[in-house]
Amino acid sequence: MQKLSMEELNRVDIDTFKNQTKIPIVLVLDNVRSMHNVGSAFRTADGFAIEKIILCGITGTPPHREIEKTALGATQSVDWVYHKNITEALHDLKQEGYQLLAIEQAEGSVMLHEFPKDNDKKYAFIFGNEVHGVSEEAMQQVDTCLEIPQFGTKHSFNVSVTIGIVLWDFVKKLTLL
């Protein structure tokens, strides 16, 4: 077995990426404090070709050395905007027809693998702070909470891991099945 070279991977350039059809998903980072987690979100968003990222509250914004360390240039390919106020950001998404899904352990949450796919919907996933989770302001506006089943002693995954798990699940449901 031999790894593929960069040329053999046939990746598109940034201009082609910007113009290609995206998966109708928006990531909303709600007060994510780690620049490495923000960079990872950009890199994962690029890998799955989602629409954009919305950075809210204390979440760091590009250009920033620590974000670039993990984004590896994805801040140039993935569209993003900053909103100081998450309430306004979520209101705007709702007006644009997005279903607002918080990734949070909450009363009435739906297990990720049990959430039905709908190719006619657009989704906005809200990921919260590493310690406090999704803010109460955001929780008041969401349509549903999704939860990732866990079987160990810890009560949560790192936010960058959570983003990868959720995006993979939805991209698989929307495009591969």
N, C-alpha and C. Protein backbone atom coordinates (compact mmCIF):
# COMPACT_ATOMS: atom_id res chain seq x y z
N MET A 1 0.85 -1.18 0.00
CA MET A 1 0.00 0.00 0.00
C MET A 1 0.90 1.23 0.00
N GLN A 2 0.53 2.21 -0.81
CA GLN A 2 1.30 3.45 -0.90
C GLN A 2 0.36 4.64 -0.81
N LYS A 3 0.76 5.63 -0.02
CA LYS A 3 -0.06 6.85 0.10
C LYS A 3 -0.12 7.58 -1.23
N LEU A 4 -1.23 8.28 -1.46
CA LEU A 4 -1.36 9.09 -2.66
C LEU A 4 -0.56 10.38 -2.53
N SER A 5 -0.02 10.84 -3.62
CA SER A 5 0.69 12.12 -3.64
C SER A 5 -0.34 13.25 -3.66
N MET A 6 0.11 14.47 -3.43
CA MET A 6 -0.78 15.64 -3.46
C MET A 6 -1.43 15.77 -4.84
N GLU A 7 -0.70 15.50 -5.90
CA GLU A 7 -1.24 15.57 -7.25
C GLU A 7 -2.31 14.51 -7.48
N GLU A 8 -2.11 13.33 -6.95
CA GLU A 8 -3.06 12.23 -7.12
C GLU A 8 -4.37 12.46 -6.35
N LEU A 9 -4.36 13.33 -5.36
CA LEU A 9 -5.57 13.61 -4.59
C LEU A 9 -6.57 14.44 -5.38
N ASN A 10 -6.11 15.12 -6.42
CA ASN A 10 -6.98 15.92 -7.29
C ASN A 10 -7.86 16.92 -6.54
N ARG A 11 -7.29 17.62 -5.60
CA ARG A 11 -8.04 18.63 -4.86
C ARG A 11 -8.23 19.87 -5.72
N VAL A 12 -9.35 20.54 -5.53
CA VAL A 12 -9.63 21.76 -6.29
C VAL A 12 -8.85 22.93 -5.69
N ASP A 13 -8.64 23.98 -6.48
CA ASP A 13 -8.01 25.19 -5.95
C ASP A 13 -9.09 26.04 -5.25
N ILE A 14 -8.66 27.09 -4.59
CA ILE A 14 -9.58 27.91 -3.79
C ILE A 14 -10.67 28.53 -4.65
N ASP A 15 -10.32 29.05 -5.83
CA ASP A 15 -11.35 29.67 -6.68
C ASP A 15 -12.40 28.66 -7.11
N THR A 16 -11.98 27.47 -7.47
CA THR A 16 -12.93 26.42 -7.85
C THR A 16 -13.80 26.05 -6.66
N PHE A 17 -13.19 25.91 -5.49
CA PHE A 17 -13.93 25.59 -4.27
C PHE A 17 -14.99 26.66 -3.98
N LYS A 18 -14.62 27.92 -4.10
CA LYS A 18 -15.55 29.02 -3.81
C LYS A 18 -16.78 28.96 -4.71
N ASN A 19 -16.60 28.46 -5.95
CA ASN A 19 -17.69 28.43 -6.92
C ASN A 19 -18.45 27.11 -6.98
N GLN A 20 -17.98 26.10 -6.28
CA GLN A 20 -18.68 24.81 -6.36
C GLN A 20 -19.91 24.81 -5.46
N THR A 21 -20.84 23.91 -5.75
CA THR A 21 -22.03 23.76 -4.93
C THR A 21 -21.63 23.27 -3.55
N LYS A 22 -22.18 23.90 -2.53
CA LYS A 22 -21.87 23.53 -1.15
C LYS A 22 -23.01 22.72 -0.54
N ILE A 23 -22.69 21.99 0.49
CA ILE A 23 -23.70 21.28 1.27
C ILE A 23 -24.40 22.32 2.14
N PRO A 24 -25.75 22.32 2.17
CA PRO A 24 -26.49 23.40 2.85
C PRO A 24 -26.43 23.31 4.38
N ILE A 25 -25.23 23.53 4.88
CA ILE A 25 -24.97 23.50 6.32
C ILE A 25 -24.15 24.73 6.68
N VAL A 26 -24.53 25.36 7.79
CA VAL A 26 -23.78 26.47 8.37
C VAL A 26 -23.35 26.05 9.76
N LEU A 27 -22.10 26.30 10.10
CA LEU A 27 -21.61 26.09 11.47
C LEU A 27 -21.71 27.41 12.21
N VAL A 28 -22.23 27.37 13.43
CA VAL A 28 -22.27 28.55 14.29
C VAL A 28 -21.44 28.22 15.52
N LEU A 29 -20.37 28.98 15.72
CA LEU A 29 -19.52 28.78 16.90
C LEU A 29 -19.89 29.83 17.93
N ASP A 30 -20.46 29.38 19.02
CA ASP A 30 -21.02 30.21 20.09
C ASP A 30 -20.02 30.32 21.24
N ASN A 31 -19.24 31.39 21.24
CA ASN A 31 -18.26 31.64 22.31
C ASN A 31 -17.23 30.53 22.45
N VAL A 32 -16.73 30.02 21.34
CA VAL A 32 -15.66 29.01 21.37
C VAL A 32 -14.35 29.75 21.64
N ARG A 33 -13.70 29.43 22.73
CA ARG A 33 -12.55 30.24 23.17
C ARG A 33 -11.22 29.79 22.59
N SER A 34 -11.07 28.53 22.23
CA SER A 34 -9.79 28.03 21.73
C SER A 34 -9.63 28.34 20.24
N MET A 35 -8.57 29.05 19.92
CA MET A 35 -8.28 29.36 18.52
C MET A 35 -8.00 28.08 17.73
N HIS A 36 -7.44 27.08 18.39
CA HIS A 36 -7.19 25.79 17.72
C HIS A 36 -8.50 25.13 17.33
N ASN A 37 -9.50 25.20 18.20
CA ASN A 37 -10.82 24.65 17.86
C ASN A 37 -11.46 25.42 16.71
N VAL A 38 -11.28 26.72 16.67
CA VAL A 38 -11.81 27.52 15.57
C VAL A 38 -11.12 27.12 14.27
N GLY A 39 -9.81 26.99 14.30
CA GLY A 39 -9.08 26.57 13.10
C GLY A 39 -9.49 25.20 12.63
N SER A 40 -9.70 24.30 13.56
CA SER A 40 -10.16 22.96 13.22
C SER A 40 -11.53 22.99 12.57
N ALA A 41 -12.40 23.87 13.06
CA ALA A 41 -13.74 24.01 12.46
C ALA A 41 -13.62 24.44 11.00
N PHE A 42 -12.72 25.37 10.72
CA PHE A 42 -12.52 25.82 9.34
C PHE A 42 -12.02 24.67 8.46
N ARG A 43 -11.06 23.94 8.96
CA ARG A 43 -10.48 22.84 8.16
C ARG A 43 -11.51 21.75 7.89
N THR A 44 -12.33 21.43 8.89
CA THR A 44 -13.38 20.42 8.72
C THR A 44 -14.46 20.94 7.78
N ALA A 45 -14.83 22.21 7.90
CA ALA A 45 -15.82 22.82 7.01
C ALA A 45 -15.35 22.77 5.56
N ASP A 46 -14.08 23.01 5.33
CA ASP A 46 -13.51 22.91 3.99
C ASP A 46 -13.59 21.47 3.49
N GLY A 47 -13.20 20.54 4.33
CA GLY A 47 -13.19 19.13 3.93
C GLY A 47 -14.55 18.61 3.52
N PHE A 48 -15.61 19.11 4.13
CA PHE A 48 -16.96 18.68 3.81
C PHE A 48 -17.70 19.66 2.89
N ALA A 49 -17.03 20.74 2.48
CA ALA A 49 -17.59 21.73 1.54
C ALA A 49 -18.95 22.27 2.00
N ILE A 50 -18.98 22.77 3.24
CA ILE A 50 -20.22 23.36 3.74
C ILE A 50 -20.27 24.84 3.37
N GLU A 51 -21.44 25.46 3.53
CA GLU A 51 -21.66 26.83 3.08
C GLU A 51 -20.79 27.87 3.77
N LYS A 52 -20.85 27.91 5.10
CA LYS A 52 -20.09 28.95 5.80
C LYS A 52 -20.04 28.67 7.29
N ILE A 53 -19.25 29.50 7.95
CA ILE A 53 -19.13 29.48 9.41
C ILE A 53 -19.52 30.85 9.93
N ILE A 54 -20.28 30.85 11.02
CA ILE A 54 -20.60 32.10 11.71
C ILE A 54 -19.92 32.05 13.07
N LEU A 55 -19.08 33.03 13.33
CA LEU A 55 -18.33 33.12 14.58
C LEU A 55 -19.03 34.15 15.46
N CYS A 56 -19.35 33.76 16.70
CA CYS A 56 -20.13 34.63 17.58
C CYS A 56 -19.45 34.85 18.92
N GLY A 57 -19.74 36.02 19.50
CA GLY A 57 -19.28 36.33 20.85
C GLY A 57 -17.77 36.41 20.95
N ILE A 58 -17.19 35.67 21.90
CA ILE A 58 -15.74 35.71 22.13
C ILE A 58 -14.96 34.84 21.16
N THR A 59 -15.64 34.15 20.25
CA THR A 59 -14.96 33.29 19.29
C THR A 59 -13.98 34.13 18.48
N GLY A 60 -12.74 33.65 18.39
CA GLY A 60 -11.71 34.36 17.64
C GLY A 60 -11.99 34.33 16.14
N THR A 61 -11.45 35.31 15.44
CA THR A 61 -11.66 35.43 14.00
C THR A 61 -10.32 35.48 13.28
N PRO A 62 -10.31 34.99 12.04
CA PRO A 62 -9.11 35.14 11.21
C PRO A 62 -8.91 36.62 10.86
N PRO A 63 -7.73 37.02 10.53
CA PRO A 63 -6.51 36.23 10.56
C PRO A 63 -5.95 36.17 11.98
N HIS A 64 -5.52 35.00 12.37
CA HIS A 64 -4.92 34.80 13.68
C HIS A 64 -3.98 33.60 13.58
N ARG A 65 -2.78 33.76 14.08
CA ARG A 65 -1.75 32.73 13.98
C ARG A 65 -2.22 31.39 14.54
N GLU A 66 -2.88 31.39 15.68
CA GLU A 66 -3.32 30.14 16.31
C GLU A 66 -4.45 29.47 15.51
N ILE A 67 -5.31 30.26 14.88
CA ILE A 67 -6.36 29.68 14.03
C ILE A 67 -5.71 29.03 12.81
N GLU A 68 -4.79 29.74 12.19
CA GLU A 68 -4.13 29.23 10.97
C GLU A 68 -3.32 27.97 11.24
N LYS A 69 -2.84 27.81 12.46
CA LYS A 69 -2.05 26.64 12.82
C LYS A 69 -2.81 25.34 12.54
N THR A 70 -4.11 25.34 12.79
CA THR A 70 -4.92 24.14 12.55
C THR A 70 -5.77 24.25 11.29
N ALA A 71 -6.09 25.46 10.85
CA ALA A 71 -6.91 25.63 9.65
C ALA A 71 -6.13 25.30 8.38
N LEU A 72 -4.83 25.50 8.41
CA LEU A 72 -3.96 25.22 7.26
C LEU A 72 -4.48 25.84 5.97
N GLY A 73 -4.93 27.10 6.05
CA GLY A 73 -5.37 27.82 4.86
C GLY A 73 -6.86 27.78 4.61
N ALA A 74 -7.61 26.99 5.37
CA ALA A 74 -9.06 26.87 5.14
C ALA A 74 -9.81 28.17 5.42
N THR A 75 -9.20 29.11 6.13
CA THR A 75 -9.85 30.40 6.35
C THR A 75 -9.95 31.18 5.04
N GLN A 76 -9.17 30.79 4.06
CA GLN A 76 -9.23 31.44 2.74
C GLN A 76 -10.31 30.81 1.86
N SER A 77 -10.63 29.56 2.09
CA SER A 77 -11.59 28.86 1.22
C SER A 77 -13.01 28.89 1.77
N VAL A 78 -13.18 28.82 3.06
CA VAL A 78 -14.51 28.75 3.68
C VAL A 78 -15.01 30.16 3.97
N ASP A 79 -16.22 30.46 3.50
CA ASP A 79 -16.84 31.75 3.81
C ASP A 79 -17.16 31.82 5.30
N TRP A 80 -16.98 32.99 5.87
CA TRP A 80 -17.29 33.17 7.29
C TRP A 80 -17.70 34.62 7.54
N VAL A 81 -18.45 34.79 8.63
CA VAL A 81 -18.83 36.11 9.11
C VAL A 81 -18.74 36.11 10.63
N TYR A 82 -18.64 37.29 11.19
CA TYR A 82 -18.63 37.43 12.65
C TYR A 82 -19.87 38.19 13.09
N HIS A 83 -20.52 37.70 14.14
CA HIS A 83 -21.62 38.40 14.81
C HIS A 83 -21.28 38.47 16.28
N LYS A 84 -21.28 39.64 16.84
CA LYS A 84 -21.05 39.78 18.27
C LYS A 84 -22.18 39.11 19.06
N ASN A 85 -23.39 39.25 18.54
CA ASN A 85 -24.58 38.79 19.24
C ASN A 85 -25.15 37.53 18.58
N ILE A 86 -25.14 36.41 19.28
CA ILE A 86 -25.64 35.15 18.72
C ILE A 86 -27.14 35.21 18.43
N THR A 87 -27.88 35.94 19.24
CA THR A 87 -29.32 36.05 19.03
C THR A 87 -29.63 36.62 17.64
N GLU A 88 -28.92 37.65 17.26
CA GLU A 88 -29.11 38.25 15.93
C GLU A 88 -28.69 37.28 14.83
N ALA A 89 -27.57 36.60 15.03
CA ALA A 89 -27.09 35.65 14.03
C ALA A 89 -28.11 34.54 13.80
N LEU A 90 -28.67 34.00 14.87
CA LEU A 90 -29.64 32.91 14.74
C LEU A 90 -30.95 33.41 14.15
N HIS A 91 -31.35 34.62 14.51
CA HIS A 91 -32.56 35.21 13.92
C HIS A 91 -32.40 35.31 12.41
N ASP A 92 -31.25 35.79 11.96
CA ASP A 92 -30.99 35.92 10.53
C ASP A 92 -31.04 34.56 9.83
N LEU A 93 -30.44 33.54 10.45
CA LEU A 93 -30.46 32.20 9.86
C LEU A 93 -31.88 31.66 9.76
N LYS A 94 -32.67 31.89 10.79
CA LYS A 94 -34.06 31.44 10.80
C LYS A 94 -34.83 32.11 9.66
N GLN A 95 -34.58 33.40 9.47
CA GLN A 95 -35.23 34.14 8.38
C GLN A 95 -34.82 33.60 7.01
N GLU A 96 -33.61 33.05 6.91
CA GLU A 96 -33.11 32.48 5.66
C GLU A 96 -33.55 31.03 5.46
N GLY A 97 -34.35 30.52 6.40
CA GLY A 97 -34.91 29.18 6.24
C GLY A 97 -34.08 28.05 6.80
N TYR A 98 -33.11 28.34 7.63
CA TYR A 98 -32.30 27.28 8.24
C TYR A 98 -33.01 26.70 9.45
N GLN A 99 -32.87 25.39 9.62
CA GLN A 99 -33.32 24.74 10.84
C GLN A 99 -32.16 24.86 11.83
N LEU A 100 -32.43 25.37 13.03
CA LEU A 100 -31.39 25.63 14.02
C LEU A 100 -31.26 24.42 14.95
N LEU A 101 -30.09 23.79 14.91
CA LEU A 101 -29.85 22.58 15.68
C LEU A 101 -28.67 22.80 16.62
N ALA A 102 -28.94 22.83 17.92
CA ALA A 102 -27.86 22.93 18.90
C ALA A 102 -27.31 21.54 19.14
N ILE A 103 -26.01 21.45 19.24
CA ILE A 103 -25.38 20.19 19.62
C ILE A 103 -25.14 20.31 21.12
N GLU A 104 -26.05 19.71 21.87
CA GLU A 104 -26.06 19.91 23.32
C GLU A 104 -26.82 18.79 24.00
N GLN A 105 -26.41 18.49 25.21
CA GLN A 105 -27.14 17.54 26.04
C GLN A 105 -28.24 18.33 26.74
N ALA A 106 -29.49 18.03 26.38
CA ALA A 106 -30.61 18.81 26.90
C ALA A 106 -31.84 17.93 27.01
N GLU A 107 -32.76 18.37 27.83
CA GLU A 107 -34.03 17.67 27.95
C GLU A 107 -34.68 17.61 26.56
N GLY A 108 -35.06 16.42 26.14
CA GLY A 108 -35.71 16.25 24.85
C GLY A 108 -34.78 16.21 23.66
N SER A 109 -33.47 16.15 23.91
CA SER A 109 -32.54 16.10 22.77
C SER A 109 -32.75 14.80 21.99
N VAL A 110 -32.38 14.85 20.71
CA VAL A 110 -32.49 13.70 19.80
C VAL A 110 -31.10 13.16 19.57
N MET A 111 -30.95 11.85 19.67
CA MET A 111 -29.65 11.26 19.39
C MET A 111 -29.30 11.48 17.91
N LEU A 112 -28.07 11.84 17.67
CA LEU A 112 -27.61 12.20 16.33
C LEU A 112 -27.99 11.17 15.28
N HIS A 113 -27.77 9.91 15.57
CA HIS A 113 -28.03 8.85 14.58
C HIS A 113 -29.53 8.64 14.35
N GLU A 114 -30.38 9.16 15.24
CA GLU A 114 -31.82 9.00 15.09
C GLU A 114 -32.48 10.19 14.41
N PHE A 115 -31.73 11.25 14.17
CA PHE A 115 -32.30 12.44 13.54
C PHE A 115 -32.47 12.16 12.05
N PRO A 116 -33.68 12.34 11.54
CA PRO A 116 -33.93 11.99 10.13
C PRO A 116 -33.33 13.02 9.17
N LYS A 117 -32.83 12.51 8.07
CA LYS A 117 -32.30 13.42 7.04
C LYS A 117 -33.46 14.00 6.24
N ASP A 118 -33.24 15.19 5.71
CA ASP A 118 -34.22 15.83 4.84
C ASP A 118 -33.44 16.65 3.83
N ASN A 119 -33.35 16.17 2.62
CA ASN A 119 -32.55 16.82 1.59
C ASN A 119 -33.13 18.17 1.16
N ASP A 120 -34.34 18.50 1.61
CA ASP A 120 -34.95 19.76 1.24
C ASP A 120 -34.73 20.85 2.28
N LYS A 121 -34.01 20.53 3.36
CA LYS A 121 -33.80 21.51 4.43
C LYS A 121 -32.36 22.00 4.43
N LYS A 122 -32.21 23.19 5.00
CA LYS A 122 -30.89 23.76 5.26
C LYS A 122 -30.70 23.73 6.77
N TYR A 123 -29.49 23.40 7.20
CA TYR A 123 -29.23 23.23 8.62
C TYR A 123 -28.16 24.20 9.12
N ALA A 124 -28.39 24.71 10.32
CA ALA A 124 -27.38 25.49 11.03
C ALA A 124 -27.11 24.76 12.34
N PHE A 125 -25.88 24.34 12.51
CA PHE A 125 -25.47 23.63 13.73
C PHE A 125 -24.79 24.60 14.67
N ILE A 126 -25.27 24.67 15.91
CA ILE A 126 -24.70 25.56 16.90
C ILE A 126 -23.85 24.74 17.86
N PHE A 127 -22.56 25.11 17.93
CA PHE A 127 -21.60 24.46 18.81
C PHE A 127 -21.17 25.47 19.86
N GLY A 128 -21.18 25.05 21.13
CA GLY A 128 -20.95 25.99 22.23
C GLY A 128 -19.55 26.00 22.78
N ASN A 129 -19.41 26.82 23.79
CA ASN A 129 -18.18 27.02 24.53
C ASN A 129 -17.67 25.70 25.11
N GLU A 130 -16.36 25.58 25.19
CA GLU A 130 -15.72 24.34 25.65
C GLU A 130 -16.10 23.97 27.08
N VAL A 131 -16.43 24.92 27.90
CA VAL A 131 -16.78 24.64 29.30
C VAL A 131 -18.29 24.72 29.53
N HIS A 132 -18.93 25.75 29.01
CA HIS A 132 -20.33 26.03 29.32
C HIS A 132 -21.32 25.54 28.27
N GLY A 133 -20.84 25.09 27.12
CA GLY A 133 -21.72 24.60 26.07
C GLY A 133 -22.43 25.73 25.34
N VAL A 134 -23.54 25.40 24.71
CA VAL A 134 -24.33 26.37 23.96
C VAL A 134 -24.97 27.35 24.95
N SER A 135 -24.90 28.63 24.63
CA SER A 135 -25.41 29.66 25.54
C SER A 135 -26.93 29.56 25.70
N GLU A 136 -27.41 30.07 26.83
CA GLU A 136 -28.85 30.09 27.09
C GLU A 136 -29.59 30.92 26.04
N GLU A 137 -28.95 32.00 25.57
CA GLU A 137 -29.57 32.83 24.53
C GLU A 137 -29.81 32.02 23.27
N ALA A 138 -28.84 31.22 22.89
CA ALA A 138 -28.98 30.38 21.70
C ALA A 138 -30.01 29.28 21.94
N MET A 139 -29.98 28.67 23.12
CA MET A 139 -30.90 27.57 23.43
C MET A 139 -32.37 28.02 23.32
N GLN A 140 -32.63 29.29 23.59
CA GLN A 140 -33.99 29.81 23.49
C GLN A 140 -34.50 29.87 22.05
N GLN A 141 -33.60 29.81 21.07
CA GLN A 141 -33.98 29.97 19.67
C GLN A 141 -33.91 28.69 18.84
N VAL A 142 -33.29 27.65 19.38
CA VAL A 142 -33.07 26.45 18.55
C VAL A 142 -34.37 25.68 18.32
N ASP A 143 -34.38 24.96 17.20
CA ASP A 143 -35.52 24.11 16.88
C ASP A 143 -35.41 22.74 17.55
N THR A 144 -34.19 22.24 17.63
CA THR A 144 -33.93 20.91 18.18
C THR A 144 -32.52 20.87 18.75
N CYS A 145 -32.33 20.00 19.73
CA CYS A 145 -30.98 19.70 20.22
C CYS A 145 -30.61 18.30 19.78
N LEU A 146 -29.40 18.17 19.27
CA LEU A 146 -28.87 16.86 18.91
C LEU A 146 -27.80 16.48 19.91
N GLU A 147 -27.75 15.20 20.22
CA GLU A 147 -26.78 14.69 21.18
C GLU A 147 -26.05 13.51 20.58
N ILE A 148 -24.75 13.46 20.80
CA ILE A 148 -23.94 12.33 20.34
C ILE A 148 -23.91 11.30 21.47
N PRO A 149 -24.29 10.05 21.19
CA PRO A 149 -24.22 9.02 22.23
C PRO A 149 -22.77 8.85 22.72
N GLN A 150 -22.62 8.69 24.02
CA GLN A 150 -21.29 8.51 24.61
C GLN A 150 -21.36 7.37 25.62
N PHE A 151 -20.25 6.68 25.79
CA PHE A 151 -20.25 5.48 26.61
C PHE A 151 -19.15 5.46 27.66
N GLY A 152 -18.37 6.52 27.77
CA GLY A 152 -17.27 6.56 28.73
C GLY A 152 -17.61 7.37 29.96
N THR A 153 -16.57 7.81 30.65
CA THR A 153 -16.75 8.54 31.91
C THR A 153 -16.88 10.05 31.72
N LYS A 154 -16.42 10.58 30.61
CA LYS A 154 -16.48 12.02 30.37
C LYS A 154 -17.85 12.40 29.85
N HIS A 155 -18.27 13.62 30.13
CA HIS A 155 -19.63 14.04 29.74
C HIS A 155 -19.69 14.73 28.39
N SER A 156 -18.53 14.93 27.74
CA SER A 156 -18.58 15.58 26.43
C SER A 156 -17.32 15.28 25.63
N PHE A 157 -17.41 15.54 24.32
CA PHE A 157 -16.26 15.48 23.43
C PHE A 157 -15.70 16.89 23.29
N ASN A 158 -14.46 17.00 22.84
CA ASN A 158 -13.92 18.30 22.46
C ASN A 158 -14.77 18.86 21.34
N VAL A 159 -14.95 20.17 21.30
CA VAL A 159 -15.83 20.79 20.30
C VAL A 159 -15.35 20.50 18.88
N SER A 160 -14.05 20.44 18.65
CA SER A 160 -13.58 20.16 17.29
C SER A 160 -13.90 18.73 16.88
N VAL A 161 -13.84 17.80 17.81
CA VAL A 161 -14.22 16.41 17.54
C VAL A 161 -15.72 16.33 17.27
N THR A 162 -16.49 17.04 18.09
CA THR A 162 -17.94 17.07 17.91
C THR A 162 -18.32 17.59 16.53
N ILE A 163 -17.68 18.65 16.09
CA ILE A 163 -17.95 19.19 14.76
C ILE A 163 -17.69 18.13 13.70
N GLY A 164 -16.58 17.42 13.81
CA GLY A 164 -16.27 16.37 12.83
C GLY A 164 -17.30 15.26 12.82
N ILE A 165 -17.71 14.82 14.00
CA ILE A 165 -18.69 13.74 14.09
C ILE A 165 -20.03 14.17 13.48
N VAL A 166 -20.50 15.35 13.85
CA VAL A 166 -21.80 15.83 13.37
C VAL A 166 -21.78 16.05 11.86
N LEU A 167 -20.73 16.72 11.37
CA LEU A 167 -20.67 16.96 9.93
C LEU A 167 -20.59 15.66 9.15
N TRP A 168 -19.78 14.72 9.61
CA TRP A 168 -19.69 13.44 8.91
C TRP A 168 -21.06 12.76 8.87
N ASP A 169 -21.76 12.74 9.99
CA ASP A 169 -23.07 12.09 10.03
C ASP A 169 -24.02 12.74 9.02
N PHE A 170 -24.07 14.06 9.00
CA PHE A 170 -25.01 14.74 8.09
C PHE A 170 -24.58 14.65 6.64
N VAL A 171 -23.31 14.81 6.37
CA VAL A 171 -22.84 14.71 4.99
C VAL A 171 -23.11 13.32 4.46
N LYS A 172 -22.88 12.33 5.29
CA LYS A 172 -23.17 10.94 4.90
C LYS A 172 -24.65 10.77 4.58
N LYS A 173 -25.52 11.28 5.45
CA LYS A 173 -26.96 11.14 5.25
C LYS A 173 -27.43 11.91 4.01
N LEU A 174 -26.87 13.11 3.78
CA LEU A 174 -27.35 13.96 2.71
C LEU A 174 -26.76 13.65 1.34
N THR A 175 -25.56 13.09 1.31
CA THR A 175 -24.90 12.92 0.02
C THR A 175 -24.48 11.50 -0.33
N LEU A 176 -24.25 10.67 0.66
CA LEU A 176 -23.67 9.35 0.38
C LEU A 176 -24.66 8.20 0.46
N LEU A 177 -25.80 8.40 1.09
CA LEU A 177 -26.76 7.30 1.23
C LEU A 177 -27.86 7.40 0.20
